Amino acid sequence: MIDVVLPVLDEAAALPWVLERMPPGYRAVVADNGSTDGSPELARALGAEVVVEPQRGFGAACFAGLRAARSEVVCFMDCDGSLDPADLPLVAAPVIEGRADLMLGARHADRGAWPAHARLANRVLVRELARRGGPRLEDLGPMRAARRRALLDLGVTDRRFGWPLEMVVRADRAGWTIDEVGVPYRERAGRSKVTGTVRGTLRTVRDMAAVLA
């Protein structure tokens, strides 16, 4: 069984679709970060394990889910319907087979699914990461897989939007094999709270820039 950490903040509109598409052998761990739309109750009713993280922040939710996970290999993915859980085996397989230590799902977006400002910010960040001697990546993909104990030992400290980048930076410094595979990226369900808005993208870039600094 592989645990899949799903950071959630008001994702009731997407939860049923996401949870029903979990592949066999994958178990949803919903890390709720203060939802007011009934997301944690809905997730429990649909059979997911739910952990509540009162400290607000994307990284805080991901870390809470990581601590609650029990499988040797753990996956992460957004729970807004933009990513299909059916693609998780593509990302997890190289880690399970020992061909990668950290595997990322590089987003191949449908038309209109990834706002231009968010796509540009991501491109700038991955180029800056490579310029500083880090891995050369197509995307800092939110669908990813790694071994749970090794992730905990990395000591990622960011609890906001710098979490995904800090994971990559620390993994690279630790000598991990980092790779990526393309996954489809669709228009999300409901209103975006992060990179779907210019303000949210700026917050994300600010947090990630602090990690690079």
N, C-alpha and C. Protein backbone atom coordinates (compact mmCIF):
# COMPACT_ATOMS: atom_id res chain seq x y z
N MET A 1 0.85 -1.20 0.00
CA MET A 1 0.00 0.00 0.00
C MET A 1 0.88 1.25 0.00
N ILE A 2 0.53 2.23 -0.81
CA ILE A 2 1.25 3.50 -0.88
C ILE A 2 0.31 4.61 -0.43
N ASP A 3 0.74 5.39 0.55
CA ASP A 3 -0.06 6.50 1.03
C ASP A 3 0.13 7.71 0.12
N VAL A 4 -0.98 8.39 -0.14
CA VAL A 4 -0.97 9.58 -1.00
C VAL A 4 -1.42 10.77 -0.16
N VAL A 5 -0.52 11.70 0.09
CA VAL A 5 -0.84 12.87 0.89
C VAL A 5 -1.54 13.90 0.01
N LEU A 6 -2.74 14.30 0.44
CA LEU A 6 -3.54 15.27 -0.29
C LEU A 6 -3.74 16.50 0.59
N PRO A 7 -2.96 17.57 0.41
CA PRO A 7 -3.20 18.80 1.17
C PRO A 7 -4.50 19.43 0.72
N VAL A 8 -5.38 19.75 1.68
CA VAL A 8 -6.73 20.19 1.33
C VAL A 8 -7.09 21.48 2.06
N LEU A 9 -7.62 22.43 1.31
CA LEU A 9 -8.25 23.62 1.87
C LEU A 9 -9.46 23.94 1.02
N ASP A 10 -10.64 23.56 1.52
CA ASP A 10 -11.91 23.81 0.82
C ASP A 10 -11.92 23.18 -0.58
N GLU A 11 -11.79 21.87 -0.61
CA GLU A 11 -11.79 21.15 -1.89
C GLU A 11 -12.97 20.18 -2.00
N ALA A 12 -14.10 20.49 -1.36
CA ALA A 12 -15.24 19.59 -1.39
C ALA A 12 -15.73 19.31 -2.81
N ALA A 13 -15.57 20.29 -3.70
CA ALA A 13 -16.04 20.11 -5.08
C ALA A 13 -15.24 19.05 -5.82
N ALA A 14 -13.97 18.90 -5.47
CA ALA A 14 -13.10 17.97 -6.20
C ALA A 14 -12.90 16.64 -5.50
N LEU A 15 -13.10 16.61 -4.19
CA LEU A 15 -12.77 15.41 -3.41
C LEU A 15 -13.40 14.11 -3.94
N PRO A 16 -14.70 14.08 -4.24
CA PRO A 16 -15.26 12.80 -4.70
C PRO A 16 -14.57 12.25 -5.94
N TRP A 17 -14.31 13.10 -6.91
CA TRP A 17 -13.64 12.66 -8.15
C TRP A 17 -12.24 12.17 -7.86
N VAL A 18 -11.50 12.92 -7.05
CA VAL A 18 -10.12 12.53 -6.74
C VAL A 18 -10.09 11.21 -5.99
N LEU A 19 -10.89 11.07 -4.96
CA LEU A 19 -10.83 9.86 -4.14
C LEU A 19 -11.31 8.62 -4.88
N GLU A 20 -12.30 8.79 -5.74
CA GLU A 20 -12.81 7.60 -6.46
C GLU A 20 -11.83 7.11 -7.51
N ARG A 21 -10.85 7.94 -7.87
CA ARG A 21 -9.90 7.56 -8.91
C ARG A 21 -8.54 7.11 -8.34
N MET A 22 -8.48 6.92 -7.03
CA MET A 22 -7.26 6.36 -6.44
C MET A 22 -7.03 4.95 -6.99
N PRO A 23 -5.85 4.67 -7.52
CA PRO A 23 -5.61 3.33 -8.07
C PRO A 23 -5.57 2.28 -6.97
N PRO A 24 -5.78 1.03 -7.30
CA PRO A 24 -5.63 -0.05 -6.32
C PRO A 24 -4.23 -0.01 -5.72
N GLY A 25 -4.16 -0.17 -4.41
CA GLY A 25 -2.86 -0.15 -3.74
C GLY A 25 -2.42 1.23 -3.29
N TYR A 26 -3.26 2.24 -3.50
CA TYR A 26 -2.94 3.62 -3.08
C TYR A 26 -4.02 4.08 -2.10
N ARG A 27 -3.60 4.68 -1.00
CA ARG A 27 -4.52 5.08 0.07
C ARG A 27 -4.43 6.58 0.29
N ALA A 28 -5.57 7.25 0.29
CA ALA A 28 -5.61 8.71 0.45
C ALA A 28 -5.44 9.10 1.91
N VAL A 29 -4.52 10.05 2.15
CA VAL A 29 -4.35 10.68 3.46
C VAL A 29 -4.62 12.17 3.25
N VAL A 30 -5.81 12.61 3.64
CA VAL A 30 -6.21 14.00 3.45
C VAL A 30 -5.69 14.83 4.62
N ALA A 31 -4.87 15.82 4.32
CA ALA A 31 -4.32 16.73 5.33
C ALA A 31 -5.10 18.03 5.24
N ASP A 32 -6.11 18.17 6.08
CA ASP A 32 -6.97 19.35 6.00
C ASP A 32 -6.33 20.53 6.73
N ASN A 33 -6.37 21.68 6.06
CA ASN A 33 -5.66 22.86 6.55
C ASN A 33 -6.59 24.01 6.90
N GLY A 34 -7.75 23.65 7.47
CA GLY A 34 -8.68 24.69 7.91
C GLY A 34 -9.88 24.89 7.01
N SER A 35 -10.32 23.84 6.34
CA SER A 35 -11.47 23.95 5.43
C SER A 35 -12.73 24.35 6.19
N THR A 36 -13.57 25.14 5.52
CA THR A 36 -14.86 25.53 6.08
C THR A 36 -16.02 25.03 5.23
N ASP A 37 -15.71 24.21 4.21
CA ASP A 37 -16.75 23.73 3.30
C ASP A 37 -17.12 22.27 3.54
N GLY A 38 -16.68 21.72 4.68
CA GLY A 38 -17.01 20.33 4.98
C GLY A 38 -16.07 19.31 4.36
N SER A 39 -14.93 19.76 3.85
CA SER A 39 -14.00 18.83 3.19
C SER A 39 -13.56 17.68 4.09
N PRO A 40 -13.16 17.91 5.35
CA PRO A 40 -12.70 16.77 6.15
C PRO A 40 -13.80 15.75 6.41
N GLU A 41 -15.00 16.22 6.67
CA GLU A 41 -16.12 15.31 6.92
C GLU A 41 -16.45 14.50 5.66
N LEU A 42 -16.43 15.17 4.52
CA LEU A 42 -16.68 14.48 3.26
C LEU A 42 -15.61 13.45 2.98
N ALA A 43 -14.35 13.80 3.21
CA ALA A 43 -13.25 12.87 2.96
C ALA A 43 -13.39 11.62 3.82
N ARG A 44 -13.73 11.81 5.09
CA ARG A 44 -13.93 10.65 5.98
C ARG A 44 -15.07 9.78 5.48
N ALA A 45 -16.16 10.42 5.07
CA ALA A 45 -17.32 9.68 4.59
C ALA A 45 -16.99 8.86 3.34
N LEU A 46 -16.01 9.35 2.57
CA LEU A 46 -15.62 8.66 1.35
C LEU A 46 -14.50 7.66 1.59
N GLY A 47 -14.10 7.49 2.85
CA GLY A 47 -13.15 6.44 3.19
C GLY A 47 -11.71 6.85 3.34
N ALA A 48 -11.41 8.14 3.23
CA ALA A 48 -10.03 8.59 3.35
C ALA A 48 -9.64 8.76 4.81
N GLU A 49 -8.37 8.57 5.11
CA GLU A 49 -7.85 8.96 6.43
C GLU A 49 -7.70 10.48 6.41
N VAL A 50 -8.08 11.12 7.50
CA VAL A 50 -8.01 12.58 7.57
C VAL A 50 -7.17 12.99 8.77
N VAL A 51 -6.20 13.87 8.52
CA VAL A 51 -5.43 14.49 9.59
C VAL A 51 -5.66 15.99 9.49
N VAL A 52 -5.91 16.63 10.62
CA VAL A 52 -6.19 18.07 10.64
C VAL A 52 -4.94 18.82 11.09
N GLU A 53 -4.51 19.78 10.28
CA GLU A 53 -3.34 20.60 10.60
C GLU A 53 -3.79 22.05 10.79
N PRO A 54 -3.82 22.52 12.03
CA PRO A 54 -4.30 23.89 12.29
C PRO A 54 -3.35 24.98 11.83
N GLN A 55 -2.05 24.68 11.76
CA GLN A 55 -1.11 25.70 11.27
C GLN A 55 -1.33 25.89 9.78
N ARG A 56 -1.69 27.10 9.38
CA ARG A 56 -1.99 27.34 7.98
C ARG A 56 -0.72 27.36 7.14
N GLY A 57 -0.82 26.79 5.97
CA GLY A 57 0.31 26.78 5.05
C GLY A 57 0.36 25.47 4.28
N PHE A 58 0.67 25.56 2.99
CA PHE A 58 0.74 24.38 2.14
C PHE A 58 1.75 23.37 2.69
N GLY A 59 2.93 23.86 3.07
CA GLY A 59 3.95 22.97 3.60
C GLY A 59 3.55 22.35 4.92
N ALA A 60 2.83 23.10 5.74
CA ALA A 60 2.37 22.57 7.02
C ALA A 60 1.43 21.39 6.79
N ALA A 61 0.52 21.53 5.83
CA ALA A 61 -0.41 20.44 5.52
C ALA A 61 0.34 19.23 4.96
N CYS A 62 1.28 19.47 4.05
CA CYS A 62 2.05 18.36 3.48
C CYS A 62 2.84 17.63 4.55
N PHE A 63 3.45 18.38 5.46
CA PHE A 63 4.25 17.76 6.51
C PHE A 63 3.37 16.94 7.46
N ALA A 64 2.18 17.47 7.78
CA ALA A 64 1.26 16.73 8.64
C ALA A 64 0.86 15.42 7.98
N GLY A 65 0.60 15.47 6.68
CA GLY A 65 0.25 14.24 5.96
C GLY A 65 1.41 13.26 5.91
N LEU A 66 2.62 13.78 5.73
CA LEU A 66 3.80 12.92 5.70
C LEU A 66 3.99 12.21 7.04
N ARG A 67 3.79 12.93 8.14
CA ARG A 67 3.93 12.31 9.46
C ARG A 67 2.85 11.26 9.71
N ALA A 68 1.66 11.50 9.15
CA ALA A 68 0.56 10.55 9.35
C ALA A 68 0.67 9.33 8.45
N ALA A 69 1.42 9.44 7.36
CA ALA A 69 1.56 8.32 6.42
C ALA A 69 2.32 7.18 7.09
N ARG A 70 2.07 5.96 6.60
CA ARG A 70 2.71 4.78 7.18
C ARG A 70 3.44 3.93 6.15
N SER A 71 3.25 4.20 4.88
CA SER A 71 3.88 3.37 3.85
C SER A 71 5.35 3.74 3.65
N GLU A 72 6.12 2.80 3.11
CA GLU A 72 7.54 3.05 2.86
C GLU A 72 7.73 4.12 1.80
N VAL A 73 6.97 4.02 0.71
CA VAL A 73 6.97 5.05 -0.33
C VAL A 73 5.70 5.88 -0.17
N VAL A 74 5.84 7.19 -0.26
CA VAL A 74 4.69 8.08 -0.12
C VAL A 74 4.62 9.01 -1.32
N CYS A 75 3.40 9.32 -1.73
CA CYS A 75 3.16 10.25 -2.84
C CYS A 75 2.49 11.51 -2.31
N PHE A 76 2.62 12.59 -3.08
CA PHE A 76 1.91 13.84 -2.83
C PHE A 76 1.23 14.25 -4.12
N MET A 77 0.07 14.89 -4.00
CA MET A 77 -0.55 15.50 -5.17
C MET A 77 -1.61 16.49 -4.72
N ASP A 78 -1.86 17.50 -5.56
CA ASP A 78 -2.93 18.45 -5.28
C ASP A 78 -4.27 17.74 -5.33
N CYS A 79 -5.22 18.28 -4.57
CA CYS A 79 -6.54 17.63 -4.48
C CYS A 79 -7.63 18.52 -5.07
N ASP A 80 -7.30 19.25 -6.14
CA ASP A 80 -8.26 20.18 -6.74
C ASP A 80 -8.81 19.67 -8.06
N GLY A 81 -8.49 18.44 -8.43
CA GLY A 81 -8.98 17.88 -9.68
C GLY A 81 -8.12 18.18 -10.89
N SER A 82 -7.03 18.92 -10.69
CA SER A 82 -6.14 19.25 -11.82
C SER A 82 -5.25 18.07 -12.19
N LEU A 83 -4.98 17.20 -11.23
CA LEU A 83 -4.16 16.02 -11.45
C LEU A 83 -5.00 14.77 -11.23
N ASP A 84 -4.75 13.75 -12.05
CA ASP A 84 -5.53 12.52 -11.99
C ASP A 84 -4.77 11.47 -11.17
N PRO A 85 -5.36 10.99 -10.07
CA PRO A 85 -4.70 9.95 -9.28
C PRO A 85 -4.33 8.72 -10.10
N ALA A 86 -5.00 8.48 -11.21
CA ALA A 86 -4.68 7.34 -12.05
C ALA A 86 -3.25 7.40 -12.58
N ASP A 87 -2.65 8.61 -12.57
CA ASP A 87 -1.27 8.77 -13.04
C ASP A 87 -0.24 8.54 -11.94
N LEU A 88 -0.67 8.32 -10.70
CA LEU A 88 0.27 8.13 -9.60
C LEU A 88 1.26 6.99 -9.84
N PRO A 89 0.85 5.84 -10.38
CA PRO A 89 1.82 4.76 -10.60
C PRO A 89 2.97 5.15 -11.52
N LEU A 90 2.74 6.06 -12.47
CA LEU A 90 3.81 6.52 -13.34
C LEU A 90 4.90 7.23 -12.54
N VAL A 91 4.46 7.98 -11.53
CA VAL A 91 5.39 8.75 -10.72
C VAL A 91 6.03 7.88 -9.64
N ALA A 92 5.27 6.97 -9.07
CA ALA A 92 5.78 6.17 -7.96
C ALA A 92 6.69 5.03 -8.40
N ALA A 93 6.47 4.48 -9.60
CA ALA A 93 7.20 3.28 -10.02
C ALA A 93 8.72 3.42 -9.97
N PRO A 94 9.31 4.52 -10.47
CA PRO A 94 10.77 4.62 -10.41
C PRO A 94 11.32 4.62 -8.99
N VAL A 95 10.55 5.16 -8.03
CA VAL A 95 10.98 5.14 -6.63
C VAL A 95 10.87 3.73 -6.07
N ILE A 96 9.75 3.08 -6.33
CA ILE A 96 9.54 1.71 -5.86
C ILE A 96 10.62 0.77 -6.39
N GLU A 97 11.00 0.97 -7.66
CA GLU A 97 11.98 0.09 -8.32
C GLU A 97 13.42 0.50 -8.06
N GLY A 98 13.63 1.60 -7.33
CA GLY A 98 14.98 2.02 -7.00
C GLY A 98 15.70 2.80 -8.09
N ARG A 99 14.97 3.25 -9.11
CA ARG A 99 15.59 4.00 -10.19
C ARG A 99 15.66 5.50 -9.91
N ALA A 100 14.92 5.97 -8.91
CA ALA A 100 14.93 7.37 -8.52
C ALA A 100 14.65 7.46 -7.03
N ASP A 101 15.20 8.51 -6.41
CA ASP A 101 14.92 8.77 -4.99
C ASP A 101 13.78 9.75 -4.82
N LEU A 102 13.68 10.69 -5.75
CA LEU A 102 12.58 11.66 -5.76
C LEU A 102 12.09 11.76 -7.19
N MET A 103 10.81 11.50 -7.38
CA MET A 103 10.22 11.52 -8.72
C MET A 103 9.14 12.58 -8.76
N LEU A 104 9.18 13.42 -9.79
CA LEU A 104 8.22 14.50 -9.96
C LEU A 104 7.36 14.26 -11.20
N GLY A 105 6.12 14.67 -11.13
CA GLY A 105 5.24 14.64 -12.29
C GLY A 105 5.26 16.01 -12.96
N ALA A 106 5.89 16.12 -14.11
CA ALA A 106 5.96 17.39 -14.84
C ALA A 106 4.63 17.64 -15.52
N ARG A 107 4.03 18.78 -15.22
CA ARG A 107 2.69 19.08 -15.72
C ARG A 107 2.67 19.40 -17.21
N HIS A 108 1.88 18.65 -17.96
CA HIS A 108 1.60 18.92 -19.37
C HIS A 108 0.15 19.39 -19.43
N ALA A 109 -0.01 20.69 -19.52
CA ALA A 109 -1.30 21.31 -19.24
C ALA A 109 -2.23 21.34 -20.43
N ASP A 110 -3.51 21.07 -20.15
CA ASP A 110 -4.57 21.35 -21.13
C ASP A 110 -4.65 22.86 -21.35
N ARG A 111 -5.19 23.24 -22.48
CA ARG A 111 -5.34 24.65 -22.80
C ARG A 111 -6.20 25.35 -21.73
N GLY A 112 -5.65 26.40 -21.14
CA GLY A 112 -6.38 27.17 -20.14
C GLY A 112 -6.28 26.64 -18.73
N ALA A 113 -5.62 25.48 -18.54
CA ALA A 113 -5.57 24.89 -17.20
C ALA A 113 -4.52 25.53 -16.31
N TRP A 114 -3.47 26.07 -16.92
CA TRP A 114 -2.35 26.62 -16.16
C TRP A 114 -2.19 28.08 -16.53
N PRO A 115 -2.61 29.02 -15.68
CA PRO A 115 -2.54 30.45 -16.02
C PRO A 115 -1.13 30.86 -16.44
N ALA A 116 -1.05 31.80 -17.37
CA ALA A 116 0.24 32.20 -17.93
C ALA A 116 1.19 32.71 -16.86
N HIS A 117 0.66 33.47 -15.89
CA HIS A 117 1.55 34.03 -14.86
C HIS A 117 2.13 32.93 -13.99
N ALA A 118 1.35 31.88 -13.71
CA ALA A 118 1.85 30.77 -12.90
C ALA A 118 2.86 29.93 -13.67
N ARG A 119 2.58 29.72 -14.96
CA ARG A 119 3.51 28.95 -15.79
C ARG A 119 4.85 29.69 -15.92
N LEU A 120 4.79 31.02 -16.10
CA LEU A 120 6.02 31.81 -16.22
C LEU A 120 6.82 31.76 -14.93
N ALA A 121 6.13 31.90 -13.79
CA ALA A 121 6.82 31.87 -12.51
C ALA A 121 7.53 30.53 -12.31
N ASN A 122 6.85 29.44 -12.66
CA ASN A 122 7.45 28.11 -12.53
C ASN A 122 8.68 28.00 -13.42
N ARG A 123 8.60 28.52 -14.64
CA ARG A 123 9.73 28.44 -15.58
C ARG A 123 10.93 29.20 -15.03
N VAL A 124 10.68 30.37 -14.47
CA VAL A 124 11.77 31.18 -13.91
C VAL A 124 12.43 30.44 -12.74
N LEU A 125 11.62 29.83 -11.89
CA LEU A 125 12.16 29.13 -10.72
C LEU A 125 13.00 27.92 -11.11
N VAL A 126 12.54 27.12 -12.08
CA VAL A 126 13.33 25.94 -12.44
C VAL A 126 14.62 26.36 -13.15
N ARG A 127 14.58 27.44 -13.90
CA ARG A 127 15.81 27.92 -14.55
C ARG A 127 16.79 28.45 -13.53
N GLU A 128 16.28 29.15 -12.52
CA GLU A 128 17.16 29.67 -11.47
C GLU A 128 17.74 28.53 -10.65
N LEU A 129 16.96 27.50 -10.41
CA LEU A 129 17.45 26.33 -9.70
C LEU A 129 18.60 25.69 -10.45
N ALA A 130 18.45 25.53 -11.76
CA ALA A 130 19.51 24.94 -12.58
C ALA A 130 20.73 25.86 -12.64
N ARG A 131 20.50 27.17 -12.73
CA ARG A 131 21.61 28.12 -12.79
C ARG A 131 22.48 28.07 -11.55
N ARG A 132 21.85 27.74 -10.43
CA ARG A 132 22.58 27.65 -9.16
C ARG A 132 23.19 26.28 -8.92
N GLY A 133 23.18 25.45 -9.96
CA GLY A 133 23.81 24.14 -9.85
C GLY A 133 22.89 23.02 -9.44
N GLY A 134 21.60 23.29 -9.36
CA GLY A 134 20.64 22.27 -8.99
C GLY A 134 20.24 21.42 -10.18
N PRO A 135 19.29 20.52 -9.99
CA PRO A 135 18.85 19.66 -11.09
C PRO A 135 18.15 20.46 -12.19
N ARG A 136 18.27 19.97 -13.40
CA ARG A 136 17.59 20.60 -14.54
C ARG A 136 16.23 19.92 -14.71
N LEU A 137 15.19 20.67 -14.39
CA LEU A 137 13.84 20.12 -14.38
C LEU A 137 12.95 20.90 -15.34
N GLU A 138 11.92 20.22 -15.79
CA GLU A 138 10.89 20.88 -16.59
C GLU A 138 9.89 21.61 -15.71
N ASP A 139 9.65 21.06 -14.51
CA ASP A 139 8.58 21.58 -13.66
C ASP A 139 8.83 21.19 -12.21
N LEU A 140 8.42 22.05 -11.29
CA LEU A 140 8.42 21.71 -9.86
C LEU A 140 7.07 21.06 -9.54
N GLY A 141 6.86 19.90 -10.12
CA GLY A 141 5.53 19.28 -10.12
C GLY A 141 4.98 18.96 -8.75
N PRO A 142 3.70 19.24 -8.51
CA PRO A 142 3.08 18.94 -7.23
C PRO A 142 2.73 17.47 -7.03
N MET A 143 2.73 16.67 -8.11
CA MET A 143 2.60 15.22 -7.96
C MET A 143 4.01 14.66 -7.86
N ARG A 144 4.31 13.98 -6.76
CA ARG A 144 5.67 13.50 -6.55
C ARG A 144 5.67 12.27 -5.65
N ALA A 145 6.81 11.58 -5.62
CA ALA A 145 6.94 10.38 -4.81
C ALA A 145 8.36 10.27 -4.29
N ALA A 146 8.48 9.72 -3.08
CA ALA A 146 9.78 9.48 -2.46
C ALA A 146 9.58 8.50 -1.31
N ARG A 147 10.66 8.08 -0.70
CA ARG A 147 10.56 7.20 0.46
C ARG A 147 10.32 8.05 1.71
N ARG A 148 9.35 7.62 2.49
CA ARG A 148 8.89 8.42 3.63
C ARG A 148 9.99 8.73 4.63
N ARG A 149 10.73 7.71 5.06
CA ARG A 149 11.76 7.94 6.08
C ARG A 149 12.83 8.89 5.57
N ALA A 150 13.23 8.72 4.32
CA ALA A 150 14.25 9.59 3.74
C ALA A 150 13.75 11.04 3.66
N LEU A 151 12.47 11.22 3.34
CA LEU A 151 11.91 12.57 3.29
C LEU A 151 11.94 13.22 4.66
N LEU A 152 11.55 12.49 5.67
CA LEU A 152 11.59 13.03 7.03
C LEU A 152 13.02 13.41 7.42
N ASP A 153 13.98 12.58 7.03
CA ASP A 153 15.36 12.84 7.38
C ASP A 153 15.95 14.04 6.64
N LEU A 154 15.34 14.45 5.52
CA LEU A 154 15.82 15.63 4.80
C LEU A 154 15.71 16.88 5.66
N GLY A 155 14.70 16.92 6.54
CA GLY A 155 14.55 18.08 7.42
C GLY A 155 14.01 19.33 6.73
N VAL A 156 13.06 19.16 5.81
CA VAL A 156 12.45 20.32 5.15
C VAL A 156 11.73 21.18 6.20
N THR A 157 12.04 22.46 6.24
CA THR A 157 11.52 23.34 7.30
C THR A 157 10.43 24.29 6.83
N ASP A 158 10.35 24.57 5.53
CA ASP A 158 9.35 25.53 5.05
C ASP A 158 7.94 24.96 5.26
N ARG A 159 7.04 25.78 5.76
CA ARG A 159 5.68 25.34 6.00
C ARG A 159 4.68 26.14 5.16
N ARG A 160 5.20 26.86 4.17
CA ARG A 160 4.31 27.60 3.28
C ARG A 160 4.51 27.07 1.86
N PHE A 161 4.58 27.96 0.88
CA PHE A 161 4.65 27.50 -0.50
C PHE A 161 6.06 27.18 -0.96
N GLY A 162 7.05 27.38 -0.08
CA GLY A 162 8.42 27.00 -0.43
C GLY A 162 8.69 25.52 -0.23
N TRP A 163 7.74 24.80 0.39
CA TRP A 163 7.92 23.37 0.68
C TRP A 163 8.35 22.55 -0.55
N PRO A 164 7.66 22.65 -1.72
CA PRO A 164 8.04 21.79 -2.85
C PRO A 164 9.46 22.06 -3.34
N LEU A 165 9.85 23.34 -3.38
CA LEU A 165 11.20 23.66 -3.86
C LEU A 165 12.25 23.25 -2.84
N GLU A 166 12.00 23.49 -1.57
CA GLU A 166 12.99 23.11 -0.56
C GLU A 166 13.22 21.60 -0.56
N MET A 167 12.18 20.83 -0.80
CA MET A 167 12.34 19.38 -0.89
C MET A 167 13.33 19.02 -1.99
N VAL A 168 13.17 19.66 -3.15
CA VAL A 168 14.06 19.38 -4.28
C VAL A 168 15.49 19.83 -3.97
N VAL A 169 15.64 21.03 -3.40
CA VAL A 169 16.96 21.56 -3.10
C VAL A 169 17.69 20.67 -2.10
N ARG A 170 17.01 20.29 -1.04
CA ARG A 170 17.66 19.44 -0.03
C ARG A 170 17.96 18.04 -0.58
N ALA A 171 17.05 17.51 -1.38
CA ALA A 171 17.28 16.19 -1.97
C ALA A 171 18.51 16.22 -2.88
N ASP A 172 18.64 17.29 -3.67
CA ASP A 172 19.79 17.41 -4.57
C ASP A 172 21.08 17.50 -3.77
N ARG A 173 21.09 18.30 -2.71
CA ARG A 173 22.29 18.45 -1.88
C ARG A 173 22.65 17.14 -1.18
N ALA A 174 21.63 16.32 -0.92
CA ALA A 174 21.87 15.03 -0.27
C ALA A 174 22.31 13.95 -1.26
N GLY A 175 22.41 14.31 -2.54
CA GLY A 175 22.87 13.36 -3.55
C GLY A 175 21.80 12.44 -4.08
N TRP A 176 20.53 12.79 -3.90
CA TRP A 176 19.45 11.95 -4.38
C TRP A 176 19.41 11.96 -5.91
N THR A 177 18.93 10.87 -6.48
CA THR A 177 18.60 10.83 -7.90
C THR A 177 17.20 11.41 -8.07
N ILE A 178 17.11 12.52 -8.81
CA ILE A 178 15.84 13.21 -9.01
C ILE A 178 15.47 13.12 -10.49
N ASP A 179 14.25 12.72 -10.77
CA ASP A 179 13.82 12.59 -12.16
C ASP A 179 12.36 13.04 -12.26
N GLU A 180 11.85 13.11 -13.47
CA GLU A 180 10.47 13.53 -13.67
C GLU A 180 9.88 12.81 -14.87
N VAL A 181 8.55 12.75 -14.88
CA VAL A 181 7.81 12.14 -15.98
C VAL A 181 6.60 13.02 -16.24
N GLY A 182 6.21 13.16 -17.48
CA GLY A 182 5.08 14.01 -17.82
C GLY A 182 3.75 13.43 -17.36
N VAL A 183 2.90 14.30 -16.81
CA VAL A 183 1.55 13.91 -16.41
C VAL A 183 0.57 14.98 -16.90
N PRO A 184 -0.64 14.59 -17.30
CA PRO A 184 -1.62 15.58 -17.75
C PRO A 184 -2.04 16.50 -16.61
N TYR A 185 -2.31 17.74 -16.96
CA TYR A 185 -2.73 18.75 -15.98
C TYR A 185 -3.98 19.42 -16.52
N ARG A 186 -5.07 19.33 -15.75
CA ARG A 186 -6.38 19.79 -16.21
C ARG A 186 -6.82 21.03 -15.45
N GLU A 187 -7.88 21.64 -15.94
CA GLU A 187 -8.45 22.77 -15.22
C GLU A 187 -9.01 22.28 -13.89
N ARG A 188 -8.68 22.98 -12.82
CA ARG A 188 -9.08 22.55 -11.49
C ARG A 188 -10.58 22.72 -11.26
N ALA A 189 -11.09 22.03 -10.24
CA ALA A 189 -12.49 22.20 -9.83
C ALA A 189 -12.57 23.31 -8.80
N GLY A 190 -13.51 24.21 -8.95
CA GLY A 190 -13.67 25.29 -7.99
C GLY A 190 -12.68 26.42 -8.22
N ARG A 191 -12.67 27.38 -7.29
CA ARG A 191 -11.85 28.57 -7.41
C ARG A 191 -10.45 28.31 -6.86
N SER A 192 -9.43 28.71 -7.63
CA SER A 192 -8.06 28.52 -7.17
C SER A 192 -7.73 29.51 -6.06
N LYS A 193 -7.00 29.02 -5.04
CA LYS A 193 -6.60 29.87 -3.92
C LYS A 193 -5.13 30.22 -3.98
N VAL A 194 -4.41 29.64 -4.92
CA VAL A 194 -2.96 29.85 -4.94
C VAL A 194 -2.54 30.37 -6.31
N THR A 195 -1.99 29.49 -7.17
CA THR A 195 -1.41 29.96 -8.42
C THR A 195 -2.46 30.33 -9.47
N GLY A 196 -3.72 30.12 -9.19
CA GLY A 196 -4.75 30.55 -10.13
C GLY A 196 -4.96 32.05 -10.09
N THR A 197 -4.41 32.71 -9.09
CA THR A 197 -4.51 34.16 -8.98
C THR A 197 -3.12 34.76 -9.01
N VAL A 198 -3.03 35.99 -9.50
CA VAL A 198 -1.72 36.67 -9.53
C VAL A 198 -1.19 36.83 -8.11
N ARG A 199 -2.05 37.19 -7.18
CA ARG A 199 -1.62 37.36 -5.79
C ARG A 199 -1.08 36.06 -5.22
N GLY A 200 -1.78 34.97 -5.49
CA GLY A 200 -1.33 33.67 -5.00
C GLY A 200 0.00 33.27 -5.61
N THR A 201 0.17 33.54 -6.91
CA THR A 201 1.44 33.23 -7.57
C THR A 201 2.57 34.04 -6.96
N LEU A 202 2.33 35.30 -6.67
CA LEU A 202 3.36 36.14 -6.07
C LEU A 202 3.75 35.63 -4.69
N ARG A 203 2.76 35.15 -3.92
CA ARG A 203 3.07 34.57 -2.61
C ARG A 203 3.94 33.34 -2.77
N THR A 204 3.61 32.51 -3.74
CA THR A 204 4.37 31.30 -3.99
C THR A 204 5.80 31.63 -4.39
N VAL A 205 5.96 32.58 -5.32
CA VAL A 205 7.29 32.98 -5.78
C VAL A 205 8.08 33.56 -4.61
N ARG A 206 7.45 34.35 -3.77
CA ARG A 206 8.14 34.92 -2.60
C ARG A 206 8.68 33.83 -1.69
N ASP A 207 7.85 32.84 -1.40
CA ASP A 207 8.29 31.76 -0.50
C ASP A 207 9.38 30.93 -1.14
N MET A 208 9.26 30.64 -2.43
CA MET A 208 10.27 29.83 -3.10
C MET A 208 11.57 30.61 -3.27
N ALA A 209 11.47 31.92 -3.51
CA ALA A 209 12.69 32.74 -3.63
C ALA A 209 13.45 32.74 -2.31
N ALA A 210 12.74 32.73 -1.21
CA ALA A 210 13.38 32.67 0.11
C ALA A 210 14.15 31.37 0.26
N VAL A 211 13.62 30.27 -0.28
CA VAL A 211 14.32 28.99 -0.23
C VAL A 211 15.61 29.06 -1.04
N LEU A 212 15.55 29.63 -2.25
CA LEU A 212 16.73 29.74 -3.08
C LEU A 212 17.79 30.65 -2.44
N ALA A 213 17.32 31.65 -1.71
CA ALA A 213 18.25 32.59 -1.07
C ALA A 213 19.00 31.92 0.07
